[in-house]
N, C-alpha and C. Protein backbone atom coordinates (compact mmCIF):
# COMPACT_ATOMS: atom_id res chain seq x y z
N MET A 1 -49.83 35.03 90.41
CA MET A 1 -50.84 34.10 90.92
C MET A 1 -50.34 33.35 92.12
N ILE A 2 -49.12 32.92 92.00
CA ILE A 2 -48.52 32.19 93.12
C ILE A 2 -48.32 33.12 94.30
N CYS A 3 -47.89 34.36 94.02
CA CYS A 3 -47.69 35.33 95.10
C CYS A 3 -48.97 35.61 95.85
N VAL A 4 -50.05 35.72 95.11
CA VAL A 4 -51.35 35.97 95.75
C VAL A 4 -51.72 34.81 96.64
N ASP A 5 -51.53 33.62 96.13
CA ASP A 5 -51.86 32.44 96.92
C ASP A 5 -51.00 32.33 98.19
N LEU A 6 -49.71 32.68 98.03
CA LEU A 6 -48.82 32.62 99.20
C LEU A 6 -49.21 33.66 100.25
N LEU A 7 -49.61 34.83 99.77
CA LEU A 7 -50.04 35.87 100.70
C LEU A 7 -51.30 35.46 101.43
N LYS A 8 -52.21 34.86 100.66
CA LYS A 8 -53.45 34.39 101.27
C LYS A 8 -53.17 33.28 102.27
N LEU A 9 -52.24 32.40 101.89
CA LEU A 9 -51.89 31.30 102.77
C LEU A 9 -51.26 31.83 104.06
N LYS A 10 -50.43 32.86 103.88
CA LYS A 10 -49.81 33.46 105.06
C LYS A 10 -50.86 34.04 106.00
N ASN A 11 -51.83 34.72 105.39
CA ASN A 11 -52.90 35.30 106.20
C ASN A 11 -53.72 34.22 106.89
N ASP A 12 -54.01 33.15 106.13
CA ASP A 12 -54.77 32.04 106.71
C ASP A 12 -54.02 31.40 107.88
N ILE A 13 -52.73 31.22 107.71
CA ILE A 13 -51.92 30.62 108.79
C ILE A 13 -51.92 31.52 110.03
N TYR A 14 -51.81 32.80 109.78
CA TYR A 14 -51.81 33.74 110.90
C TYR A 14 -53.13 33.70 111.67
N VAL A 15 -54.22 33.67 110.86
CA VAL A 15 -55.55 33.59 111.49
C VAL A 15 -55.67 32.31 112.31
N LEU A 16 -55.24 31.20 111.71
CA LEU A 16 -55.30 29.93 112.45
C LEU A 16 -54.44 29.99 113.72
N PHE A 17 -53.25 30.55 113.58
CA PHE A 17 -52.36 30.64 114.73
C PHE A 17 -52.96 31.53 115.82
N LYS A 18 -53.57 32.63 115.36
CA LYS A 18 -54.12 33.59 116.32
C LYS A 18 -55.30 33.01 117.09
N TYR A 19 -56.22 32.38 116.38
CA TYR A 19 -57.46 31.95 117.01
C TYR A 19 -57.38 30.55 117.63
N TYR A 20 -56.46 29.75 117.15
CA TYR A 20 -56.40 28.37 117.65
C TYR A 20 -55.20 28.11 118.57
N PHE A 21 -54.26 29.05 118.62
CA PHE A 21 -53.11 28.86 119.50
C PHE A 21 -52.84 30.08 120.38
N LEU A 22 -52.68 31.24 119.71
CA LEU A 22 -52.31 32.43 120.48
C LEU A 22 -53.41 32.88 121.43
N GLN A 23 -54.64 32.92 120.95
CA GLN A 23 -55.73 33.38 121.80
C GLN A 23 -56.01 32.43 122.97
N PRO A 24 -56.07 31.11 122.70
CA PRO A 24 -56.23 30.19 123.84
C PRO A 24 -55.07 30.30 124.83
N TYR A 25 -53.85 30.49 124.29
CA TYR A 25 -52.68 30.62 125.18
C TYR A 25 -52.85 31.84 126.08
N ILE A 26 -53.26 32.97 125.46
CA ILE A 26 -53.47 34.20 126.25
C ILE A 26 -54.58 34.00 127.28
N THR A 27 -55.65 33.32 126.85
CA THR A 27 -56.77 33.07 127.75
C THR A 27 -56.35 32.19 128.92
N ILE A 28 -55.64 31.11 128.60
CA ILE A 28 -55.18 30.20 129.66
C ILE A 28 -54.20 30.90 130.59
N LYS A 29 -53.34 31.72 130.01
CA LYS A 29 -52.38 32.46 130.82
C LYS A 29 -53.10 33.39 131.80
N CYS A 30 -54.13 34.07 131.29
CA CYS A 30 -54.90 34.97 132.16
C CYS A 30 -55.58 34.19 133.29
N ILE A 31 -56.15 33.03 132.92
CA ILE A 31 -56.83 32.21 133.93
C ILE A 31 -55.84 31.75 135.00
N MET A 32 -54.68 31.26 134.56
CA MET A 32 -53.67 30.77 135.50
C MET A 32 -53.13 31.90 136.38
N GLN A 33 -53.02 33.09 135.78
CA GLN A 33 -52.54 34.23 136.56
C GLN A 33 -53.55 34.59 137.64
N ASN A 34 -54.83 34.54 137.27
CA ASN A 34 -55.87 34.82 138.27
C ASN A 34 -55.86 33.79 139.39
N ILE A 35 -55.70 32.52 138.98
CA ILE A 35 -55.66 31.45 139.98
C ILE A 35 -54.47 31.65 140.91
N TYR A 36 -53.32 31.98 140.32
CA TYR A 36 -52.10 32.20 141.12
C TYR A 36 -52.29 33.36 142.10
N ASN A 37 -52.89 34.44 141.58
CA ASN A 37 -53.13 35.59 142.45
C ASN A 37 -54.08 35.24 143.58
N LYS A 38 -55.12 34.46 143.25
CA LYS A 38 -56.08 34.05 144.28
C LYS A 38 -55.41 33.15 145.31
N LYS A 39 -54.54 32.25 144.81
CA LYS A 39 -53.83 31.36 145.74
C LYS A 39 -52.94 32.19 146.66
N GLN A 40 -52.27 33.19 146.07
CA GLN A 40 -51.45 34.05 146.91
C GLN A 40 -52.30 34.76 147.95
N SER A 41 -53.46 35.25 147.50
CA SER A 41 -54.36 35.92 148.42
C SER A 41 -54.82 34.99 149.52
N ILE A 42 -55.17 33.74 149.14
CA ILE A 42 -55.61 32.75 150.12
C ILE A 42 -54.48 32.42 151.08
N CYS A 43 -53.26 32.27 150.56
CA CYS A 43 -52.10 31.96 151.41
C CYS A 43 -51.86 33.08 152.42
N PHE A 44 -51.91 34.32 151.93
CA PHE A 44 -51.72 35.44 152.84
C PHE A 44 -52.83 35.50 153.88
N HIS A 45 -54.06 35.19 153.44
CA HIS A 45 -55.19 35.18 154.36
C HIS A 45 -54.99 34.16 155.46
N TYR A 46 -54.62 32.94 155.09
CA TYR A 46 -54.39 31.89 156.09
C TYR A 46 -53.18 32.21 156.96
N PHE A 47 -52.18 32.84 156.38
CA PHE A 47 -50.99 33.19 157.14
C PHE A 47 -51.34 34.18 158.25
N PHE A 48 -52.10 35.23 157.87
CA PHE A 48 -52.48 36.22 158.88
C PHE A 48 -53.48 35.65 159.88
N CYS A 49 -54.34 34.75 159.42
CA CYS A 49 -55.26 34.07 160.34
C CYS A 49 -54.47 33.24 161.36
N MET A 50 -53.42 32.57 160.87
CA MET A 50 -52.59 31.76 161.75
C MET A 50 -51.87 32.63 162.77
N LEU A 51 -51.35 33.76 162.32
CA LEU A 51 -50.68 34.67 163.24
C LEU A 51 -51.67 35.19 164.29
N TYR A 52 -52.87 35.53 163.84
CA TYR A 52 -53.89 36.03 164.77
C TYR A 52 -54.28 34.94 165.78
N THR A 53 -54.42 33.71 165.28
CA THR A 53 -54.78 32.60 166.17
C THR A 53 -53.69 32.35 167.20
N LEU A 54 -52.42 32.38 166.75
CA LEU A 54 -51.32 32.20 167.68
C LEU A 54 -51.27 33.31 168.72
N ALA A 55 -51.55 34.53 168.27
CA ALA A 55 -51.56 35.66 169.21
C ALA A 55 -52.68 35.49 170.23
N MET A 56 -53.85 35.05 169.76
CA MET A 56 -54.97 34.82 170.66
C MET A 56 -54.67 33.68 171.63
N MET A 57 -54.05 32.62 171.12
CA MET A 57 -53.69 31.48 171.97
C MET A 57 -52.68 31.91 173.03
N GLU A 58 -51.72 32.73 172.62
CA GLU A 58 -50.73 33.23 173.58
C GLU A 58 -51.40 34.09 174.64
N SER A 59 -52.36 34.91 174.23
CA SER A 59 -53.08 35.76 175.18
C SER A 59 -53.90 34.91 176.14
N ILE A 60 -54.61 33.90 175.60
CA ILE A 60 -55.42 33.02 176.44
C ILE A 60 -54.53 32.24 177.40
N LEU A 61 -53.41 31.71 176.88
CA LEU A 61 -52.49 30.95 177.71
C LEU A 61 -51.92 31.81 178.83
N LYS A 62 -51.56 33.05 178.49
CA LYS A 62 -51.01 33.96 179.50
C LYS A 62 -52.05 34.26 180.57
N ARG A 63 -53.29 34.55 180.14
CA ARG A 63 -54.34 34.89 181.09
C ARG A 63 -54.67 33.70 181.99
N GLN A 64 -54.80 32.50 181.38
CA GLN A 64 -55.12 31.31 182.15
C GLN A 64 -53.98 30.95 183.11
N SER A 65 -52.74 31.14 182.68
CA SER A 65 -51.60 30.82 183.54
C SER A 65 -51.56 31.74 184.76
N ILE A 66 -51.78 33.03 184.51
CA ILE A 66 -51.79 33.99 185.62
C ILE A 66 -52.92 33.67 186.58
N MET A 67 -54.11 33.40 186.04
CA MET A 67 -55.26 33.07 186.87
C MET A 67 -55.01 31.79 187.68
N PHE A 68 -54.37 30.81 187.04
CA PHE A 68 -54.11 29.54 187.70
C PHE A 68 -53.16 29.74 188.88
N ILE A 69 -52.08 30.47 188.67
CA ILE A 69 -51.10 30.71 189.74
C ILE A 69 -51.73 31.48 190.90
N VAL A 70 -52.51 32.52 190.56
CA VAL A 70 -53.17 33.32 191.59
C VAL A 70 -54.14 32.47 192.39
N MET A 71 -54.91 31.61 191.71
CA MET A 71 -55.90 30.78 192.39
C MET A 71 -55.23 29.71 193.25
N VAL A 72 -54.08 29.21 192.85
CA VAL A 72 -53.35 28.26 193.69
C VAL A 72 -52.96 28.93 195.01
N ILE A 73 -52.43 30.14 194.91
CA ILE A 73 -52.03 30.87 196.11
C ILE A 73 -53.23 31.17 197.00
N ILE A 74 -54.32 31.64 196.38
CA ILE A 74 -55.54 31.93 197.16
C ILE A 74 -56.07 30.66 197.79
N GLY A 75 -56.06 29.55 197.02
CA GLY A 75 -56.54 28.28 197.56
C GLY A 75 -55.73 27.79 198.73
N MET A 76 -54.43 28.04 198.71
CA MET A 76 -53.59 27.62 199.83
C MET A 76 -53.78 28.50 201.06
N LEU A 77 -54.01 29.79 200.85
CA LEU A 77 -54.11 30.72 201.97
C LEU A 77 -55.50 30.78 202.58
N PHE A 78 -56.53 30.74 201.74
CA PHE A 78 -57.87 31.01 202.23
C PHE A 78 -58.82 29.82 202.08
N ASN A 79 -58.30 28.62 202.19
CA ASN A 79 -59.19 27.47 202.15
C ASN A 79 -59.90 27.33 203.49
N PRO A 80 -61.05 26.64 203.53
CA PRO A 80 -61.86 26.56 204.77
C PRO A 80 -61.10 26.00 205.98
N MET A 81 -60.20 25.02 205.75
CA MET A 81 -59.48 24.44 206.87
C MET A 81 -58.57 25.46 207.54
N ASN A 82 -57.92 26.30 206.75
CA ASN A 82 -57.07 27.35 207.32
C ASN A 82 -57.90 28.39 208.06
N ILE A 83 -59.03 28.75 207.48
CA ILE A 83 -59.89 29.76 208.11
C ILE A 83 -60.42 29.26 209.46
N LEU A 84 -60.66 27.95 209.56
CA LEU A 84 -61.21 27.38 210.79
C LEU A 84 -60.14 26.98 211.81
N ALA A 85 -58.87 27.22 211.52
CA ALA A 85 -57.81 26.85 212.46
C ALA A 85 -58.02 27.56 213.80
N TYR A 86 -57.82 26.83 214.88
CA TYR A 86 -58.04 27.39 216.22
C TYR A 86 -56.94 28.36 216.60
N ARG A 87 -55.72 28.05 216.20
CA ARG A 87 -54.58 28.92 216.47
C ARG A 87 -53.79 29.12 215.19
N PHE A 88 -53.23 30.30 215.02
CA PHE A 88 -52.42 30.58 213.84
C PHE A 88 -51.18 29.70 213.82
N SER A 89 -50.68 29.34 215.00
CA SER A 89 -49.48 28.51 215.08
C SER A 89 -49.73 27.08 214.62
N ASP A 90 -51.00 26.71 214.46
CA ASP A 90 -51.33 25.36 213.99
C ASP A 90 -51.30 25.25 212.47
N LEU A 91 -51.03 26.34 211.79
CA LEU A 91 -51.02 26.35 210.34
C LEU A 91 -49.61 26.06 209.81
N TYR A 92 -49.54 25.16 208.83
CA TYR A 92 -48.28 24.81 208.20
C TYR A 92 -48.48 24.75 206.68
N ILE A 93 -47.43 25.10 205.96
CA ILE A 93 -47.46 24.90 204.50
C ILE A 93 -47.06 23.45 204.23
N SER A 94 -47.95 22.72 203.60
CA SER A 94 -47.70 21.30 203.37
C SER A 94 -48.01 20.94 201.92
N LEU A 95 -47.60 19.75 201.54
CA LEU A 95 -47.84 19.28 200.19
C LEU A 95 -49.33 19.08 199.93
N THR A 96 -50.03 18.57 200.93
CA THR A 96 -51.48 18.38 200.78
C THR A 96 -52.19 19.73 200.61
N LEU A 97 -51.72 20.74 201.34
CA LEU A 97 -52.27 22.08 201.18
C LEU A 97 -52.05 22.59 199.77
N PHE A 98 -50.86 22.33 199.22
CA PHE A 98 -50.56 22.72 197.85
C PHE A 98 -51.46 21.99 196.86
N TYR A 99 -51.69 20.71 197.08
CA TYR A 99 -52.60 19.96 196.21
C TYR A 99 -54.01 20.54 196.25
N GLY A 100 -54.43 20.97 197.44
CA GLY A 100 -55.75 21.61 197.56
C GLY A 100 -55.83 22.88 196.76
N GLY A 101 -54.73 23.66 196.77
CA GLY A 101 -54.69 24.88 195.96
C GLY A 101 -54.73 24.58 194.48
N LEU A 102 -54.04 23.50 194.07
CA LEU A 102 -54.08 23.08 192.66
C LEU A 102 -55.49 22.69 192.24
N LEU A 103 -56.20 21.98 193.12
CA LEU A 103 -57.56 21.56 192.79
C LEU A 103 -58.49 22.76 192.65
N MET A 104 -58.35 23.71 193.56
CA MET A 104 -59.19 24.92 193.50
C MET A 104 -58.92 25.68 192.20
N ALA A 105 -57.64 25.81 191.83
CA ALA A 105 -57.28 26.52 190.60
C ALA A 105 -57.78 25.78 189.37
N SER A 106 -57.69 24.44 189.38
CA SER A 106 -58.17 23.64 188.25
C SER A 106 -59.68 23.78 188.08
N ASN A 107 -60.39 23.77 189.19
CA ASN A 107 -61.85 23.94 189.13
C ASN A 107 -62.23 25.31 188.59
N MET A 108 -61.42 26.32 188.93
CA MET A 108 -61.71 27.67 188.46
C MET A 108 -61.53 27.79 186.95
N ILE A 109 -60.63 26.99 186.36
CA ILE A 109 -60.40 27.07 184.92
C ILE A 109 -61.68 26.72 184.17
N TRP A 110 -62.25 25.53 184.46
CA TRP A 110 -63.47 25.14 183.72
C TRP A 110 -64.70 25.86 184.24
N GLY A 111 -64.71 26.22 185.53
CA GLY A 111 -65.84 26.96 186.06
C GLY A 111 -65.94 28.35 185.44
N HIS A 112 -64.79 28.96 185.18
CA HIS A 112 -64.76 30.29 184.57
C HIS A 112 -65.35 30.25 183.17
N GLU A 113 -65.12 29.16 182.43
CA GLU A 113 -65.67 29.06 181.08
C GLU A 113 -67.20 28.99 181.12
N ILE A 114 -67.75 28.32 182.12
CA ILE A 114 -69.22 28.26 182.27
C ILE A 114 -69.77 29.65 182.56
N VAL A 115 -69.13 30.36 183.48
CA VAL A 115 -69.56 31.73 183.80
C VAL A 115 -69.44 32.63 182.58
N HIS A 116 -68.34 32.48 181.84
CA HIS A 116 -68.12 33.29 180.64
C HIS A 116 -69.20 33.02 179.61
N TYR A 117 -69.61 31.77 179.49
CA TYR A 117 -70.65 31.43 178.52
C TYR A 117 -72.01 31.99 178.94
N LEU A 118 -72.34 31.86 180.22
CA LEU A 118 -73.62 32.37 180.71
C LEU A 118 -73.68 33.89 180.65
N HIS A 119 -72.53 34.54 180.80
CA HIS A 119 -72.50 36.00 180.82
C HIS A 119 -72.47 36.61 179.43
N SER A 120 -71.59 36.06 178.55
CA SER A 120 -71.39 36.70 177.25
C SER A 120 -71.57 35.77 176.06
N GLY A 121 -71.88 34.50 176.31
CA GLY A 121 -72.13 33.57 175.22
C GLY A 121 -70.89 32.99 174.58
N HIS A 122 -69.72 33.24 175.15
CA HIS A 122 -68.47 32.70 174.62
C HIS A 122 -68.04 31.49 175.45
N PHE A 123 -67.57 30.47 174.75
CA PHE A 123 -67.18 29.24 175.45
C PHE A 123 -66.00 28.61 174.72
N ASN A 124 -64.87 28.48 175.44
CA ASN A 124 -63.68 27.84 174.88
C ASN A 124 -63.66 26.39 175.34
N ILE A 125 -64.03 25.50 174.46
CA ILE A 125 -64.17 24.09 174.82
C ILE A 125 -62.83 23.47 175.18
N TYR A 126 -61.75 23.96 174.56
CA TYR A 126 -60.42 23.40 174.86
C TYR A 126 -60.00 23.74 176.28
N VAL A 127 -60.16 25.00 176.67
CA VAL A 127 -59.83 25.42 178.03
C VAL A 127 -60.70 24.68 179.03
N PHE A 128 -61.98 24.50 178.69
CA PHE A 128 -62.91 23.82 179.58
C PHE A 128 -62.45 22.39 179.87
N PHE A 129 -62.13 21.64 178.82
CA PHE A 129 -61.74 20.25 179.02
C PHE A 129 -60.34 20.11 179.62
N ILE A 130 -59.46 21.07 179.37
CA ILE A 130 -58.16 21.07 180.05
C ILE A 130 -58.37 21.25 181.55
N GLY A 131 -59.27 22.15 181.92
CA GLY A 131 -59.58 22.35 183.34
C GLY A 131 -60.18 21.12 183.98
N ILE A 132 -61.10 20.47 183.27
CA ILE A 132 -61.70 19.23 183.78
C ILE A 132 -60.63 18.16 183.97
N ALA A 133 -59.75 18.02 182.98
CA ALA A 133 -58.68 17.02 183.06
C ALA A 133 -57.76 17.29 184.24
N LEU A 134 -57.40 18.56 184.45
CA LEU A 134 -56.55 18.91 185.59
C LEU A 134 -57.23 18.60 186.91
N SER A 135 -58.53 18.88 187.01
CA SER A 135 -59.27 18.60 188.24
C SER A 135 -59.27 17.10 188.55
N VAL A 136 -59.49 16.30 187.52
CA VAL A 136 -59.51 14.84 187.71
C VAL A 136 -58.12 14.33 188.11
N ILE A 137 -57.09 14.82 187.43
CA ILE A 137 -55.72 14.37 187.72
C ILE A 137 -55.31 14.76 189.13
N VAL A 138 -55.56 16.02 189.51
CA VAL A 138 -55.19 16.48 190.85
C VAL A 138 -55.96 15.71 191.92
N SER A 139 -57.25 15.47 191.67
CA SER A 139 -58.08 14.77 192.66
C SER A 139 -57.65 13.33 192.85
N THR A 140 -57.45 12.61 191.75
CA THR A 140 -57.20 11.17 191.82
C THR A 140 -55.74 10.82 192.02
N MET A 141 -54.84 11.56 191.35
CA MET A 141 -53.42 11.20 191.38
C MET A 141 -52.66 11.88 192.52
N LEU A 142 -53.09 13.08 192.91
CA LEU A 142 -52.34 13.82 193.93
C LEU A 142 -53.03 13.78 195.29
N LEU A 143 -54.27 14.25 195.35
CA LEU A 143 -54.95 14.34 196.64
C LEU A 143 -55.32 12.96 197.20
N ARG A 144 -56.02 12.17 196.42
CA ARG A 144 -56.48 10.88 196.92
C ARG A 144 -55.34 9.92 197.23
N ARG A 145 -54.33 9.92 196.39
CA ARG A 145 -53.19 9.02 196.59
C ARG A 145 -52.13 9.62 197.50
N GLN A 146 -52.28 10.91 197.84
CA GLN A 146 -51.30 11.58 198.70
C GLN A 146 -49.88 11.38 198.17
N LEU A 147 -49.69 11.70 196.91
CA LEU A 147 -48.42 11.48 196.23
C LEU A 147 -47.30 12.28 196.90
N TYR A 148 -46.21 11.60 197.25
CA TYR A 148 -45.02 12.19 197.87
C TYR A 148 -45.28 12.78 199.26
N VAL A 149 -46.39 12.43 199.87
CA VAL A 149 -46.66 12.92 201.23
C VAL A 149 -45.94 12.00 202.22
N ASN A 150 -44.89 12.51 202.84
CA ASN A 150 -44.12 11.73 203.81
C ASN A 150 -44.61 12.02 205.22
N ASP A 151 -43.83 11.58 206.22
CA ASP A 151 -44.23 11.76 207.62
C ASP A 151 -44.42 13.23 207.97
N ASN A 152 -43.45 14.05 207.60
CA ASN A 152 -43.52 15.47 207.93
C ASN A 152 -44.73 16.15 207.28
N GLU A 153 -44.94 15.86 206.01
CA GLU A 153 -46.07 16.48 205.30
C GLU A 153 -47.39 16.04 205.90
N TRP A 154 -47.48 14.79 206.28
CA TRP A 154 -48.71 14.29 206.90
C TRP A 154 -48.96 14.97 208.24
N LEU A 155 -47.92 15.09 209.06
CA LEU A 155 -48.06 15.74 210.37
C LEU A 155 -48.48 17.20 210.23
N LYS A 156 -47.89 17.92 209.27
CA LYS A 156 -48.23 19.34 209.08
C LYS A 156 -49.70 19.52 208.78
N ARG A 157 -50.22 18.68 207.90
CA ARG A 157 -51.63 18.86 207.53
C ARG A 157 -52.57 18.34 208.60
N MET A 158 -52.17 17.30 209.31
CA MET A 158 -53.03 16.75 210.36
C MET A 158 -53.14 17.70 211.55
N ILE A 159 -52.08 18.44 211.84
CA ILE A 159 -52.16 19.44 212.92
C ILE A 159 -53.19 20.51 212.57
N SER A 160 -53.13 20.98 211.33
CA SER A 160 -54.12 21.98 210.89
C SER A 160 -55.53 21.39 210.90
N HIS A 161 -55.64 20.14 210.50
CA HIS A 161 -56.94 19.46 210.48
C HIS A 161 -57.51 19.35 211.89
N HIS A 162 -56.70 18.95 212.84
CA HIS A 162 -57.16 18.84 214.22
C HIS A 162 -57.52 20.21 214.79
N SER A 163 -56.80 21.24 214.34
CA SER A 163 -57.08 22.59 214.83
C SER A 163 -58.47 23.06 214.44
N THR A 164 -58.94 22.65 213.26
CA THR A 164 -60.31 23.02 212.85
C THR A 164 -61.34 22.34 213.75
N ALA A 165 -61.03 21.13 214.19
CA ALA A 165 -61.93 20.43 215.11
C ALA A 165 -62.03 21.18 216.44
N LEU A 166 -60.93 21.80 216.85
CA LEU A 166 -60.96 22.58 218.09
C LEU A 166 -61.89 23.79 217.95
N THR A 167 -61.80 24.49 216.82
CA THR A 167 -62.65 25.67 216.60
C THR A 167 -64.12 25.31 216.63
N THR A 168 -64.50 24.32 215.86
CA THR A 168 -65.92 23.94 215.80
C THR A 168 -66.40 23.34 217.12
N SER A 169 -65.54 22.57 217.78
CA SER A 169 -65.94 21.93 219.05
C SER A 169 -66.08 22.95 220.17
N HIS A 170 -65.19 23.93 220.22
CA HIS A 170 -65.32 25.00 221.22
C HIS A 170 -66.61 25.79 221.00
N ASN A 171 -66.92 26.08 219.73
CA ASN A 171 -68.13 26.85 219.44
C ASN A 171 -69.39 26.09 219.84
N ILE A 172 -69.46 24.81 219.48
CA ILE A 172 -70.67 24.04 219.80
C ILE A 172 -70.76 23.78 221.30
N TYR A 173 -69.62 23.67 221.95
CA TYR A 173 -69.62 23.46 223.41
C TYR A 173 -70.21 24.67 224.13
N ASN A 174 -69.90 25.86 223.61
CA ASN A 174 -70.38 27.09 224.25
C ASN A 174 -71.81 27.45 223.88
N THR A 175 -72.33 26.93 222.77
CA THR A 175 -73.66 27.33 222.31
C THR A 175 -74.72 26.25 222.48
N SER A 176 -74.33 25.01 222.54
CA SER A 176 -75.31 23.93 222.61
C SER A 176 -75.92 23.81 224.00
N THR A 177 -77.19 23.43 224.04
CA THR A 177 -77.88 23.18 225.31
C THR A 177 -78.05 21.68 225.55
N ASN A 178 -77.57 20.89 224.62
CA ASN A 178 -77.64 19.43 224.74
C ASN A 178 -76.40 18.96 225.51
N LYS A 179 -76.65 18.35 226.69
CA LYS A 179 -75.55 17.92 227.55
C LYS A 179 -74.68 16.86 226.87
N ASP A 180 -75.31 15.94 226.13
CA ASP A 180 -74.53 14.90 225.43
C ASP A 180 -73.59 15.51 224.39
N ILE A 181 -74.11 16.51 223.67
CA ILE A 181 -73.27 17.20 222.68
C ILE A 181 -72.12 17.92 223.36
N GLN A 182 -72.40 18.55 224.49
CA GLN A 182 -71.34 19.26 225.21
C GLN A 182 -70.26 18.31 225.71
N ILE A 183 -70.70 17.15 226.21
CA ILE A 183 -69.74 16.14 226.69
C ILE A 183 -68.88 15.65 225.53
N LEU A 184 -69.51 15.36 224.40
CA LEU A 184 -68.77 14.89 223.22
C LEU A 184 -67.80 15.96 222.74
N ALA A 185 -68.25 17.21 222.70
CA ALA A 185 -67.40 18.31 222.24
C ALA A 185 -66.20 18.47 223.16
N LYS A 186 -66.42 18.36 224.49
CA LYS A 186 -65.32 18.48 225.45
C LYS A 186 -64.33 17.33 225.28
N THR A 187 -64.84 16.14 225.01
CA THR A 187 -63.95 15.00 224.78
C THR A 187 -63.10 15.22 223.53
N ILE A 188 -63.73 15.72 222.47
CA ILE A 188 -63.00 16.00 221.22
C ILE A 188 -61.93 17.06 221.45
N ILE A 189 -62.28 18.10 222.21
CA ILE A 189 -61.31 19.17 222.50
C ILE A 189 -60.09 18.62 223.23
N ASP A 190 -60.34 17.82 224.23
CA ASP A 190 -59.23 17.26 225.02
C ASP A 190 -58.35 16.34 224.17
N THR A 191 -58.98 15.45 223.41
CA THR A 191 -58.22 14.49 222.60
C THR A 191 -57.46 15.19 221.47
N GLN A 192 -58.10 16.18 220.85
CA GLN A 192 -57.45 16.89 219.75
C GLN A 192 -56.26 17.71 220.24
N GLU A 193 -56.42 18.34 221.38
CA GLU A 193 -55.31 19.11 221.95
C GLU A 193 -54.13 18.19 222.27
N GLU A 194 -54.44 17.05 222.84
CA GLU A 194 -53.39 16.09 223.17
C GLU A 194 -52.68 15.58 221.91
N GLU A 195 -53.46 15.28 220.88
CA GLU A 195 -52.88 14.76 219.65
C GLU A 195 -52.08 15.84 218.91
N ILE A 196 -52.52 17.08 218.98
CA ILE A 196 -51.78 18.18 218.35
C ILE A 196 -50.40 18.32 219.00
N LEU A 197 -50.37 18.27 220.34
CA LEU A 197 -49.10 18.36 221.04
C LEU A 197 -48.19 17.19 220.66
N GLN A 198 -48.76 16.01 220.55
CA GLN A 198 -47.98 14.83 220.17
C GLN A 198 -47.42 14.98 218.75
N MET A 199 -48.26 15.44 217.83
CA MET A 199 -47.81 15.59 216.45
C MET A 199 -46.77 16.69 216.32
N GLN A 200 -46.93 17.78 217.07
CA GLN A 200 -45.93 18.84 217.04
C GLN A 200 -44.59 18.35 217.57
N SER A 201 -44.63 17.51 218.59
CA SER A 201 -43.41 16.92 219.12
C SER A 201 -42.74 16.02 218.09
N LEU A 202 -43.54 15.19 217.42
CA LEU A 202 -42.99 14.32 216.38
C LEU A 202 -42.42 15.13 215.22
N LEU A 203 -43.10 16.22 214.88
CA LEU A 203 -42.64 17.05 213.78
C LEU A 203 -41.29 17.70 214.11
N SER A 204 -41.14 18.17 215.33
CA SER A 204 -39.86 18.77 215.72
C SER A 204 -38.76 17.72 215.76
N GLU A 205 -39.09 16.51 216.16
CA GLU A 205 -38.10 15.43 216.19
C GLU A 205 -37.64 15.08 214.78
N THR A 206 -38.58 14.98 213.84
CA THR A 206 -38.20 14.64 212.47
C THR A 206 -37.41 15.75 211.82
N HIS A 207 -37.71 17.01 212.21
CA HIS A 207 -36.93 18.12 211.67
C HIS A 207 -35.51 18.09 212.20
N ASN A 208 -35.35 17.68 213.46
CA ASN A 208 -34.01 17.60 214.03
C ASN A 208 -33.21 16.46 213.41
N VAL A 209 -33.94 15.37 213.08
CA VAL A 209 -33.26 14.24 212.44
C VAL A 209 -32.91 14.56 211.00
N ASN A 210 -33.86 15.22 210.30
CA ASN A 210 -33.65 15.59 208.89
C ASN A 210 -33.71 17.10 208.75
N PRO A 211 -32.67 17.83 209.09
CA PRO A 211 -32.72 19.31 209.04
C PRO A 211 -32.83 19.80 207.60
């Protein structure tokens, strides 16, 4: 009788252990394993997304950097003031010319994003605002304030500036039928030529003083 009761008790304990401890433990273990696997999957997903984003950022940075450098060079070589120079010898590489190239390149950064959006519907807001910020900084801090522009740099750019006045004044002098305009154009030509010679003389003197 006692043996039967003990056997029954053993079975009852096993049933209780199985359904109230072992089964919930197995269930919880399965749930936690699934959660862990999902977390691993999510981690790997974010990891590869991060790698892809970094690769895209590197590609964008490389493309924008190349475009910026190329546009600076183009801006320095083919800006309107250089194109309008009366003589090739009146052209000088100066700090102000470099600032102008920087401004042109900065404008192209944000301008390109507008074109890209209108053409294909893609718009990188970060690149756009970086370009805007560069344009503002170059305009206000470098060009307007003429940062680090000394006597030599000023003379180099002013000679080129006066040379453009010669080109436009010669053209209007030869084409205009207004006598007053012709007289004014001739006066500008004479004064600009004289000032160019003076500035070139000063520039050579400063170069001799500061080789």
